[in-house]
Amino acid sequence: MSHDLDTREIRFAHRVRQALEESSGELPPGIAARLAEARRVAVAHKKPEPQTALAPALAYAGVAGQAADHAPRRPGRLEKLGRLGLLWPLAALIVGLAGIAYWEHQQHIEDLADIDAAVLSDELPLSAYADHGFNAYLKRAQ
């Protein structure tokens, strides 16, 4: 039922707007000038659009009504710390990724060192490892 009421109101508003537009060309110059002046005054008294805050909503809990009544103020220490708080997770992620890359590099170095130690402590000469036929011998031996 409210939907029907809304559509009737919208139709009525369109009809009123159309009637005003049709009759606006027939206004005397004095009335048109007064209407233009009234529009300028109304636009000058228009309230500014509300600004959205970048800080979390909990930082303003309890002071939302008071902040709207006053002029905009400079951000305080709490707001600056709130913005810096967004950088800490990013810094932790970067440090964590750098740590993982360093650890993997160290593991690779240790693996190569183990292979080198096994080759050097073996009884075979180094030229045997470079021989292509030796690889076939190793595969058959296993």
C-alpha atoms as a PDB file:
ATOM      1  CA  MET A   1       0.000   0.000   0.000  1.00  0.00           C
ATOM      2  CA  SER A   2       2.867   2.393   0.748  1.00  0.00           C
ATOM      3  CA  HIS A   3       4.357   1.582  -2.669  1.00  0.00           C
ATOM      4  CA  ASP A   4       1.138   2.786  -4.323  1.00  0.00           C
ATOM      5  CA  LEU A   5       1.255   5.964  -2.218  1.00  0.00           C
ATOM      6  CA  ASP A   6       4.888   6.573  -3.254  1.00  0.00           C
ATOM      7  CA  THR A   7       4.113   6.206  -6.957  1.00  0.00           C
ATOM      8  CA  ARG A   8       1.140   8.557  -6.660  1.00  0.00           C
ATOM      9  CA  GLU A   9       3.341  11.144  -4.917  1.00  0.00           C
ATOM     10  CA  ILE A  10       5.989  10.818  -7.596  1.00  0.00           C
ATOM     11  CA  ARG A  11       3.411  11.262 -10.376  1.00  0.00           C
ATOM     12  CA  PHE A  12       1.996  14.319  -8.580  1.00  0.00           C
ATOM     13  CA  ALA A  13       5.505  15.813  -8.216  1.00  0.00           C
ATOM     14  CA  HIS A  14       6.155  15.283 -11.932  1.00  0.00           C
ATOM     15  CA  ARG A  15       2.883  16.990 -12.845  1.00  0.00           C
ATOM     16  CA  VAL A  16       3.666  19.970 -10.582  1.00  0.00           C
ATOM     17  CA  ARG A  17       7.166  20.253 -12.034  1.00  0.00           C
ATOM     18  CA  GLN A  18       5.804  20.124 -15.585  1.00  0.00           C
ATOM     19  CA  ALA A  19       3.216  22.819 -14.802  1.00  0.00           C
ATOM     20  CA  LEU A  20       5.884  25.076 -13.272  1.00  0.00           C
ATOM     21  CA  GLU A  21       8.203  24.622 -16.251  1.00  0.00           C
ATOM     22  CA  GLU A  22       5.409  25.435 -18.714  1.00  0.00           C
ATOM     23  CA  SER A  23       4.432  28.596 -16.853  1.00  0.00           C
ATOM     24  CA  SER A  24       7.966  29.816 -16.084  1.00  0.00           C
ATOM     25  CA  GLY A  25       8.245  31.514 -19.458  1.00  0.00           C
ATOM     26  CA  GLU A  26       5.126  33.603 -18.744  1.00  0.00           C
ATOM     27  CA  LEU A  27       6.430  35.210 -15.518  1.00  0.00           C
ATOM     28  CA  PRO A  28       6.858  38.985 -15.387  1.00  0.00           C
ATOM     29  CA  PRO A  29      10.506  40.123 -15.225  1.00  0.00           C
ATOM     30  CA  GLY A  30      10.136  41.439 -11.626  1.00  0.00           C
ATOM     31  CA  ILE A  31       8.912  38.085 -10.287  1.00  0.00           C
ATOM     32  CA  ALA A  32      11.602  36.209 -12.214  1.00  0.00           C
ATOM     33  CA  ALA A  33      14.272  38.483 -10.677  1.00  0.00           C
ATOM     34  CA  ARG A  34      12.866  37.938  -7.149  1.00  0.00           C
ATOM     35  CA  LEU A  35      12.813  34.169  -7.690  1.00  0.00           C
ATOM     36  CA  ALA A  36      16.419  34.247  -8.912  1.00  0.00           C
ATOM     37  CA  GLU A  37      17.476  36.259  -5.841  1.00  0.00           C
ATOM     38  CA  ALA A  38      15.617  33.838  -3.537  1.00  0.00           C
ATOM     39  CA  ARG A  39      17.438  30.940  -5.174  1.00  0.00           C
ATOM     40  CA  ARG A  40      20.838  32.615  -4.660  1.00  0.00           C
ATOM     41  CA  VAL A  41      20.032  33.183  -0.965  1.00  0.00           C
ATOM     42  CA  ALA A  42      18.874  29.581  -0.538  1.00  0.00           C
ATOM     43  CA  VAL A  43      22.042  28.217  -2.147  1.00  0.00           C
ATOM     44  CA  ALA A  44      24.187  30.500   0.056  1.00  0.00           C
ATOM     45  CA  HIS A  45      22.465  29.166   3.208  1.00  0.00           C
ATOM     46  CA  LYS A  46      22.772  25.544   2.165  1.00  0.00           C
ATOM     47  CA  LYS A  47      24.475  23.357   4.763  1.00  0.00           C
ATOM     48  CA  PRO A  48      27.818  21.856   3.723  1.00  0.00           C
ATOM     49  CA  GLU A  49      27.979  18.161   2.913  1.00  0.00           C
ATOM     50  CA  PRO A  50      29.176  15.994   5.815  1.00  0.00           C
ATOM     51  CA  GLN A  51      32.793  14.906   5.570  1.00  0.00           C
ATOM     52  CA  THR A  52      33.797  11.305   6.117  1.00  0.00           C
ATOM     53  CA  ALA A  53      36.557  10.558   8.622  1.00  0.00           C
ATOM     54  CA  LEU A  54      39.513   8.327   7.801  1.00  0.00           C
ATOM     55  CA  ALA A  55      39.979   7.193  11.405  1.00  0.00           C
ATOM     56  CA  PRO A  56      38.050   4.184  12.757  1.00  0.00           C
ATOM     57  CA  ALA A  57      34.531   4.842  13.999  1.00  0.00           C
ATOM     58  CA  LEU A  58      35.397   3.766  17.543  1.00  0.00           C
ATOM     59  CA  ALA A  59      37.818   6.691  17.877  1.00  0.00           C
ATOM     60  CA  TYR A  60      34.843   9.060  17.686  1.00  0.00           C
ATOM     61  CA  ALA A  61      32.432   7.106  19.890  1.00  0.00           C
ATOM     62  CA  GLY A  62      30.510   9.498  22.118  1.00  0.00           C
ATOM     63  CA  VAL A  63      31.659  12.690  20.386  1.00  0.00           C
ATOM     64  CA  ALA A  64      29.878  12.333  17.043  1.00  0.00           C
ATOM     65  CA  GLY A  65      27.183  14.867  17.925  1.00  0.00           C
ATOM     66  CA  GLN A  66      29.673  17.368  19.340  1.00  0.00           C
ATOM     67  CA  ALA A  67      32.035  17.226  16.367  1.00  0.00           C
ATOM     68  CA  ALA A  68      29.279  18.217  13.927  1.00  0.00           C
ATOM     69  CA  ASP A  69      28.551  21.453  15.847  1.00  0.00           C
ATOM     70  CA  HIS A  70      32.109  22.794  15.709  1.00  0.00           C
ATOM     71  CA  ALA A  71      34.354  23.943  12.911  1.00  0.00           C
ATOM     72  CA  PRO A  72      36.760  21.378  11.448  1.00  0.00           C
ATOM     73  CA  ARG A  73      39.825  20.925  13.613  1.00  0.00           C
ATOM     74  CA  ARG A  74      43.369  19.783  12.991  1.00  0.00           C
ATOM     75  CA  PRO A  75      44.011  16.075  13.470  1.00  0.00           C
ATOM     76  CA  GLY A  76      45.364  15.301  16.932  1.00  0.00           C
ATOM     77  CA  ARG A  77      47.831  12.714  18.101  1.00  0.00           C
ATOM     78  CA  LEU A  78      45.159  10.037  18.375  1.00  0.00           C
ATOM     79  CA  GLU A  79      44.134  10.410  14.739  1.00  0.00           C
ATOM     80  CA  LYS A  80      47.782  10.386  13.588  1.00  0.00           C
ATOM     81  CA  LEU A  81      48.454   7.206  15.562  1.00  0.00           C
ATOM     82  CA  GLY A  82      45.310   5.682  14.081  1.00  0.00           C
ATOM     83  CA  ARG A  83      46.579   6.307  10.572  1.00  0.00           C
ATOM     84  CA  LEU A  84      50.011   4.939  11.483  1.00  0.00           C
ATOM     85  CA  GLY A  85      48.307   1.868  12.921  1.00  0.00           C
ATOM     86  CA  LEU A  86      47.316   0.920   9.400  1.00  0.00           C
ATOM     87  CA  LEU A  87      50.988   0.757   8.380  1.00  0.00           C
ATOM     88  CA  TRP A  88      52.073  -1.734  11.061  1.00  0.00           C
ATOM     89  CA  PRO A  89      50.475  -4.806   9.441  1.00  0.00           C
ATOM     90  CA  LEU A  90      52.071  -3.864   6.112  1.00  0.00           C
ATOM     91  CA  ALA A  91      55.482  -3.476   7.750  1.00  0.00           C
ATOM     92  CA  ALA A  92      55.071  -6.836   9.524  1.00  0.00           C
ATOM     93  CA  LEU A  93      54.176  -8.491   6.214  1.00  0.00           C
ATOM     94  CA  ILE A  94      57.246  -7.076   4.471  1.00  0.00           C
ATOM     95  CA  VAL A  95      59.558  -8.119   7.323  1.00  0.00           C
ATOM     96  CA  GLY A  96      57.991 -11.600   7.365  1.00  0.00           C
ATOM     97  CA  LEU A  97      58.435 -12.086   3.621  1.00  0.00           C
ATOM     98  CA  ALA A  98      62.039 -10.894   3.810  1.00  0.00           C
ATOM     99  CA  GLY A  99      62.680 -13.347   6.662  1.00  0.00           C
ATOM    100  CA  ILE A 100      61.182 -16.242   4.705  1.00  0.00           C
ATOM    101  CA  ALA A 101      63.283 -15.397   1.634  1.00  0.00           C
ATOM    102  CA  TYR A 102      66.447 -15.226   3.758  1.00  0.00           C
ATOM    103  CA  TRP A 103      65.672 -18.561   5.454  1.00  0.00           C
ATOM    104  CA  GLU A 104      65.031 -20.300   2.116  1.00  0.00           C
ATOM    105  CA  HIS A 105      68.303 -18.905   0.742  1.00  0.00           C
ATOM    106  CA  GLN A 106      70.195 -20.243   3.781  1.00  0.00           C
ATOM    107  CA  GLN A 107      68.544 -23.667   3.336  1.00  0.00           C
ATOM    108  CA  HIS A 108      69.647 -23.717  -0.313  1.00  0.00           C
ATOM    109  CA  ILE A 109      73.218 -22.875   0.704  1.00  0.00           C
ATOM    110  CA  GLU A 110      73.188 -25.654   3.335  1.00  0.00           C
ATOM    111  CA  ASP A 111      71.872 -28.177   0.785  1.00  0.00           C
ATOM    112  CA  LEU A 112      74.638 -27.270  -1.666  1.00  0.00           C
ATOM    113  CA  ALA A 113      77.221 -27.535   1.117  1.00  0.00           C
ATOM    114  CA  ASP A 114      75.947 -31.038   2.008  1.00  0.00           C
ATOM    115  CA  ILE A 115      76.204 -32.134  -1.630  1.00  0.00           C
ATOM    116  CA  ASP A 116      79.721 -30.695  -1.912  1.00  0.00           C
ATOM    117  CA  ALA A 117      80.795 -32.447   1.289  1.00  0.00           C
ATOM    118  CA  ALA A 118      79.396 -35.774   0.044  1.00  0.00           C
ATOM    119  CA  VAL A 119      81.175 -35.438  -3.310  1.00  0.00           C
ATOM    120  CA  LEU A 120      84.478 -34.437  -1.734  1.00  0.00           C
ATOM    121  CA  SER A 121      84.402 -37.210   0.867  1.00  0.00           C
ATOM    122  CA  ASP A 122      83.584 -39.888  -1.708  1.00  0.00           C
ATOM    123  CA  GLU A 123      86.273 -42.236  -3.029  1.00  0.00           C
ATOM    124  CA  LEU A 124      85.477 -41.588  -6.692  1.00  0.00           C
ATOM    125  CA  PRO A 125      87.451 -39.015  -8.646  1.00  0.00           C
ATOM    126  CA  LEU A 126      85.629 -35.835  -9.686  1.00  0.00           C
ATOM    127  CA  SER A 127      85.955 -36.717 -13.370  1.00  0.00           C
ATOM    128  CA  ALA A 128      83.637 -39.715 -12.812  1.00  0.00           C
ATOM    129  CA  TYR A 129      80.758 -37.361 -11.977  1.00  0.00           C
ATOM    130  CA  ALA A 130      81.293 -35.445 -15.237  1.00  0.00           C
ATOM    131  CA  ASP A 131      81.173 -38.634 -17.341  1.00  0.00           C
ATOM    132  CA  HIS A 132      77.768 -39.209 -18.997  1.00  0.00           C
ATOM    133  CA  GLY A 133      78.186 -42.961 -18.862  1.00  0.00           C
ATOM    134  CA  PHE A 134      78.679 -42.785 -15.095  1.00  0.00           C
ATOM    135  CA  ASN A 135      75.124 -41.404 -14.689  1.00  0.00           C
ATOM    136  CA  ALA A 136      73.833 -44.503 -16.457  1.00  0.00           C
ATOM    137  CA  TYR A 137      75.961 -46.697 -14.174  1.00  0.00           C
ATOM    138  CA  LEU A 138      74.532 -44.960 -11.083  1.00  0.00           C
ATOM    139  CA  LYS A 139      70.956 -45.483 -12.293  1.00  0.00           C
ATOM    140  CA  ARG A 140      71.624 -49.224 -12.895  1.00  0.00           C
ATOM    141  CA  ALA A 141      73.355 -49.592  -9.521  1.00  0.00           C
ATOM    142  CA  GLN A 142      70.293 -48.313  -7.650  1.00  0.00           C
END
